C-alpha cells in the first residue's frame, strides 16, 4: 500500500493552475477556471507558446512538465470524472506513480498517467494545449482512437 496524501496533491494541482490563470489572465480568468477548467485552455496555451524553450535548463523543463501535468490532471478529474490514485512503482524515486482512472464512452475503464502523457507531448518540442487535450480525450476513451 502506498501512503500518499492525494487530497493535498490534487489541491496543489488546482492551485498551481489557478495561480497561472491569475498571473497571465487576471482575477477574472482565475474565477472562470474555478467554474470551468476548460476556460484555461487559451491562457495555458499562450503561456506555453511564449516560454523561451531554447533557453530552458533541466529545472525549467521540470517546472513546465509539472504545470502542464497539473492542468491535465484537473481536466481528467473535471471533464471525465476521473478517480485519482497512487499506483506503486518501485522504479520511480518516490515509489509511486500518480494515475487517474476514468471510464471511457464505451464503458471500459482506463488508467491515465498525466506525467507520462504530458511528457509525450512536451518532448522533443512542446505541442499546443488543444492538441494535448485531444490526446487526453483519446486516453480517457472519449475520442477517436
C-alpha atoms as a PDB file:
ATOM      1  CA  UNK A   1       0.000   0.000   0.000  1.00  0.00           C
ATOM      2  CA  UNK A   2       1.289   3.431  -0.957  1.00  0.00           C
ATOM      3  CA  UNK A   3       0.831   6.196   1.619  1.00  0.00           C
ATOM      4  CA  UNK A   4       0.175   9.426  -0.271  1.00  0.00           C
ATOM      5  CA  UNK A   5      -1.970  12.426   0.618  1.00  0.00           C
ATOM      6  CA  UNK A   6      -3.868  12.600  -2.672  1.00  0.00           C
ATOM      7  CA  UNK A   7      -6.105  15.439  -1.480  1.00  0.00           C
ATOM      8  CA  UNK A   8      -3.082  17.661  -0.866  1.00  0.00           C
ATOM      9  CA  UNK A   9      -1.576  16.583  -4.187  1.00  0.00           C
ATOM     10  CA  UNK A  10      -4.797  17.428  -6.067  1.00  0.00           C
ATOM     11  CA  UNK A  11      -5.223  20.723  -4.222  1.00  0.00           C
ATOM     12  CA  UNK A  12      -1.693  21.591  -5.339  1.00  0.00           C
ATOM     13  CA  UNK A  13      -2.608  20.858  -8.973  1.00  0.00           C
ATOM     14  CA  UNK A  14      -5.637  23.138  -8.867  1.00  0.00           C
ATOM     15  CA  UNK A  15      -3.805  25.879  -7.010  1.00  0.00           C
ATOM     16  CA  UNK A  16      -0.897  25.758  -9.455  1.00  0.00           C
ATOM     17  CA  UNK A  17      -3.170  26.255 -12.467  1.00  0.00           C
ATOM     18  CA  UNK A  18      -5.331  28.822 -10.715  1.00  0.00           C
ATOM     19  CA  UNK A  19      -2.191  30.837  -9.915  1.00  0.00           C
ATOM     20  CA  UNK A  20      -1.119  30.586 -13.549  1.00  0.00           C
ATOM     21  CA  UNK A  21      -4.563  31.835 -14.618  1.00  0.00           C
ATOM     22  CA  UNK A  22      -4.358  34.769 -12.248  1.00  0.00           C
ATOM     23  CA  UNK A  23      -0.815  35.631 -13.286  1.00  0.00           C
ATOM     24  CA  UNK A  24      -1.431  35.528 -17.040  1.00  0.00           C
ATOM     25  CA  UNK A  25      -5.168  36.186 -17.319  1.00  0.00           C
ATOM     26  CA  UNK A  26      -6.057  38.174 -14.228  1.00  0.00           C
ATOM     27  CA  UNK A  27      -8.546  37.583 -11.444  1.00  0.00           C
ATOM     28  CA  UNK A  28     -11.451  37.030 -13.852  1.00  0.00           C
ATOM     29  CA  UNK A  29      -9.572  34.193 -15.576  1.00  0.00           C
ATOM     30  CA  UNK A  30      -8.879  32.547 -12.217  1.00  0.00           C
ATOM     31  CA  UNK A  31     -12.563  32.742 -11.263  1.00  0.00           C
ATOM     32  CA  UNK A  32     -13.549  31.365 -14.677  1.00  0.00           C
ATOM     33  CA  UNK A  33     -11.122  28.457 -14.155  1.00  0.00           C
ATOM     34  CA  UNK A  34     -12.783  27.695 -10.814  1.00  0.00           C
ATOM     35  CA  UNK A  35     -16.109  27.309 -12.629  1.00  0.00           C
ATOM     36  CA  UNK A  36     -14.857  25.627 -15.816  1.00  0.00           C
ATOM     37  CA  UNK A  37     -11.384  24.130 -16.185  1.00  0.00           C
ATOM     38  CA  UNK A  38     -11.632  24.276 -19.994  1.00  0.00           C
ATOM     39  CA  UNK A  39     -11.746  28.071 -19.763  1.00  0.00           C
ATOM     40  CA  UNK A  40      -7.988  27.938 -19.132  1.00  0.00           C
ATOM     41  CA  UNK A  41      -7.060  26.388 -22.500  1.00  0.00           C
ATOM     42  CA  UNK A  42      -6.134  29.626 -24.271  1.00  0.00           C
ATOM     43  CA  UNK A  43      -4.160  31.019 -21.338  1.00  0.00           C
ATOM     44  CA  UNK A  44      -2.210  27.791 -20.744  1.00  0.00           C
ATOM     45  CA  UNK A  45      -1.538  27.572 -24.488  1.00  0.00           C
ATOM     46  CA  UNK A  46      -0.367  31.198 -24.617  1.00  0.00           C
ATOM     47  CA  UNK A  47       1.837  30.593 -21.568  1.00  0.00           C
ATOM     48  CA  UNK A  48       3.441  27.616 -23.309  1.00  0.00           C
ATOM     49  CA  UNK A  49       3.955  29.491 -26.578  1.00  0.00           C
ATOM     50  CA  UNK A  50       5.796  32.418 -25.041  1.00  0.00           C
ATOM     51  CA  UNK A  51       8.256  30.394 -22.983  1.00  0.00           C
ATOM     52  CA  UNK A  52      11.915  30.622 -24.080  1.00  0.00           C
ATOM     53  CA  UNK A  53      12.123  26.856 -24.689  1.00  0.00           C
ATOM     54  CA  UNK A  54      15.553  27.038 -26.341  1.00  0.00           C
ATOM     55  CA  UNK A  55      16.979  28.573 -23.170  1.00  0.00           C
ATOM     56  CA  UNK A  56      15.481  26.007 -20.780  1.00  0.00           C
ATOM     57  CA  UNK A  57      17.600  24.263 -18.177  1.00  0.00           C
ATOM     58  CA  UNK A  58      16.597  20.940 -16.597  1.00  0.00           C
ATOM     59  CA  UNK A  59      14.683  22.601 -13.739  1.00  0.00           C
ATOM     60  CA  UNK A  60      12.727  24.729 -16.238  1.00  0.00           C
ATOM     61  CA  UNK A  61      11.608  21.578 -18.067  1.00  0.00           C
ATOM     62  CA  UNK A  62      10.580  20.006 -14.766  1.00  0.00           C
ATOM     63  CA  UNK A  63       8.517  23.074 -13.885  1.00  0.00           C
ATOM     64  CA  UNK A  64       6.823  23.152 -17.279  1.00  0.00           C
ATOM     65  CA  UNK A  65       6.126  19.421 -17.165  1.00  0.00           C
ATOM     66  CA  UNK A  66       4.633  19.774 -13.682  1.00  0.00           C
ATOM     67  CA  UNK A  67       2.449  22.748 -14.662  1.00  0.00           C
ATOM     68  CA  UNK A  68       1.056  21.067 -17.768  1.00  0.00           C
ATOM     69  CA  UNK A  69       0.539  17.735 -15.948  1.00  0.00           C
ATOM     70  CA  UNK A  70      -1.357  19.628 -13.233  1.00  0.00           C
ATOM     71  CA  UNK A  71      -3.675  21.019 -15.896  1.00  0.00           C
ATOM     72  CA  UNK A  72      -4.180  17.590 -17.473  1.00  0.00           C
ATOM     73  CA  UNK A  73      -4.970  16.226 -14.008  1.00  0.00           C
ATOM     74  CA  UNK A  74      -7.654  18.861 -13.450  1.00  0.00           C
ATOM     75  CA  UNK A  75      -9.153  18.160 -16.891  1.00  0.00           C
ATOM     76  CA  UNK A  76      -9.249  14.396 -16.255  1.00  0.00           C
ATOM     77  CA  UNK A  77     -10.998  14.951 -12.936  1.00  0.00           C
ATOM     78  CA  UNK A  78     -13.426  17.650 -14.058  1.00  0.00           C
ATOM     79  CA  UNK A  79     -14.267  16.629 -17.616  1.00  0.00           C
ATOM     80  CA  UNK A  80     -14.013  12.842 -17.393  1.00  0.00           C
ATOM     81  CA  UNK A  81     -14.965  12.158 -13.768  1.00  0.00           C
ATOM     82  CA  UNK A  82     -11.595  10.601 -13.052  1.00  0.00           C
ATOM     83  CA  UNK A  83     -10.643   8.922  -9.793  1.00  0.00           C
ATOM     84  CA  UNK A  84      -7.077   9.634  -8.658  1.00  0.00           C
ATOM     85  CA  UNK A  85      -4.811   7.090  -7.045  1.00  0.00           C
ATOM     86  CA  UNK A  86      -1.177   6.379  -6.352  1.00  0.00           C
ATOM     87  CA  UNK A  87      -0.020   3.279  -8.218  1.00  0.00           C
ATOM     88  CA  UNK A  88       3.024   1.591  -6.651  1.00  0.00           C
ATOM     89  CA  UNK A  89       6.060   1.790  -8.925  1.00  0.00           C
ATOM     90  CA  UNK A  90       9.386   0.730  -7.430  1.00  0.00           C
ATOM     91  CA  UNK A  91      11.297   2.164 -10.405  1.00  0.00           C
ATOM     92  CA  UNK A  92      10.303   5.744  -9.606  1.00  0.00           C
ATOM     93  CA  UNK A  93      12.252   7.581  -6.882  1.00  0.00           C
ATOM     94  CA  UNK A  94       9.177   8.253  -4.743  1.00  0.00           C
ATOM     95  CA  UNK A  95       7.938   4.645  -5.143  1.00  0.00           C
ATOM     96  CA  UNK A  96       4.627   5.517  -6.770  1.00  0.00           C
ATOM     97  CA  UNK A  97       3.098   6.989  -9.889  1.00  0.00           C
ATOM     98  CA  UNK A  98       0.102   9.301  -9.846  1.00  0.00           C
ATOM     99  CA  UNK A  99      -2.636   7.961 -12.135  1.00  0.00           C
ATOM    100  CA  UNK A 100      -6.279   8.708 -12.800  1.00  0.00           C
ATOM    101  CA  UNK A 101      -8.832   6.006 -13.529  1.00  0.00           C
ATOM    102  CA  UNK A 102     -11.564   7.008 -15.982  1.00  0.00           C
ATOM    103  CA  UNK A 103     -14.433   5.263 -17.698  1.00  0.00           C
ATOM    104  CA  UNK A 104     -14.466   5.631 -21.463  1.00  0.00           C
ATOM    105  CA  UNK A 105     -17.520   6.292 -23.595  1.00  0.00           C
ATOM    106  CA  UNK A 106     -17.526   2.548 -24.329  1.00  0.00           C
ATOM    107  CA  UNK A 107     -17.912   1.767 -20.622  1.00  0.00           C
ATOM    108  CA  UNK A 108     -14.410   0.323 -20.264  1.00  0.00           C
ATOM    109  CA  UNK A 109     -12.078   1.559 -17.561  1.00  0.00           C
ATOM    110  CA  UNK A 110      -8.786   3.193 -18.442  1.00  0.00           C
ATOM    111  CA  UNK A 111      -5.861   4.400 -16.412  1.00  0.00           C
ATOM    112  CA  UNK A 112      -4.124   7.605 -17.451  1.00  0.00           C
ATOM    113  CA  UNK A 113      -0.765   8.726 -16.052  1.00  0.00           C
ATOM    114  CA  UNK A 114      -0.758  12.530 -16.500  1.00  0.00           C
ATOM    115  CA  UNK A 115       3.014  12.925 -16.138  1.00  0.00           C
ATOM    116  CA  UNK A 116       3.736  10.290 -18.802  1.00  0.00           C
ATOM    117  CA  UNK A 117       1.077  11.597 -21.173  1.00  0.00           C
ATOM    118  CA  UNK A 118       2.370  15.153 -20.871  1.00  0.00           C
ATOM    119  CA  UNK A 119       5.956  14.021 -21.354  1.00  0.00           C
ATOM    120  CA  UNK A 120       4.983  12.528 -24.713  1.00  0.00           C
ATOM    121  CA  UNK A 121       3.620  15.928 -25.775  1.00  0.00           C
ATOM    122  CA  UNK A 122       6.473  18.061 -24.453  1.00  0.00           C
ATOM    123  CA  UNK A 123       9.438  16.160 -25.861  1.00  0.00           C
ATOM    124  CA  UNK A 124      11.173  16.910 -28.152  1.00  0.00           C
ATOM    125  CA  UNK A 125       9.104  20.048 -28.882  1.00  0.00           C
ATOM    126  CA  UNK A 126       6.097  21.118 -26.791  1.00  0.00           C
ATOM    127  CA  UNK A 127       2.768  20.710 -28.571  1.00  0.00           C
ATOM    128  CA  UNK A 128      -0.116  23.158 -28.390  1.00  0.00           C
ATOM    129  CA  UNK A 129      -2.509  22.654 -25.482  1.00  0.00           C
ATOM    130  CA  UNK A 130      -5.564  21.934 -27.694  1.00  0.00           C
ATOM    131  CA  UNK A 131      -3.620  19.085 -29.309  1.00  0.00           C
ATOM    132  CA  UNK A 132      -2.619  17.774 -25.887  1.00  0.00           C
ATOM    133  CA  UNK A 133      -6.255  17.888 -24.764  1.00  0.00           C
ATOM    134  CA  UNK A 134      -7.191  15.798 -27.810  1.00  0.00           C
ATOM    135  CA  UNK A 135      -4.672  13.221 -26.577  1.00  0.00           C
ATOM    136  CA  UNK A 136      -6.225  13.386 -23.116  1.00  0.00           C
ATOM    137  CA  UNK A 137      -9.651  12.816 -24.658  1.00  0.00           C
ATOM    138  CA  UNK A 138      -8.345   9.753 -26.544  1.00  0.00           C
ATOM    139  CA  UNK A 139      -6.574   8.401 -23.462  1.00  0.00           C
ATOM    140  CA  UNK A 140      -9.793   8.780 -21.463  1.00  0.00           C
ATOM    141  CA  UNK A 141     -11.663   6.842 -24.147  1.00  0.00           C
ATOM    142  CA  UNK A 142     -13.853   9.735 -25.251  1.00  0.00           C
ATOM    143  CA  UNK A 143     -12.410  10.454 -28.664  1.00  0.00           C
ATOM    144  CA  UNK A 144     -11.298   8.756 -31.849  1.00  0.00           C
ATOM    145  CA  UNK A 145      -8.513   6.234 -31.348  1.00  0.00           C
END
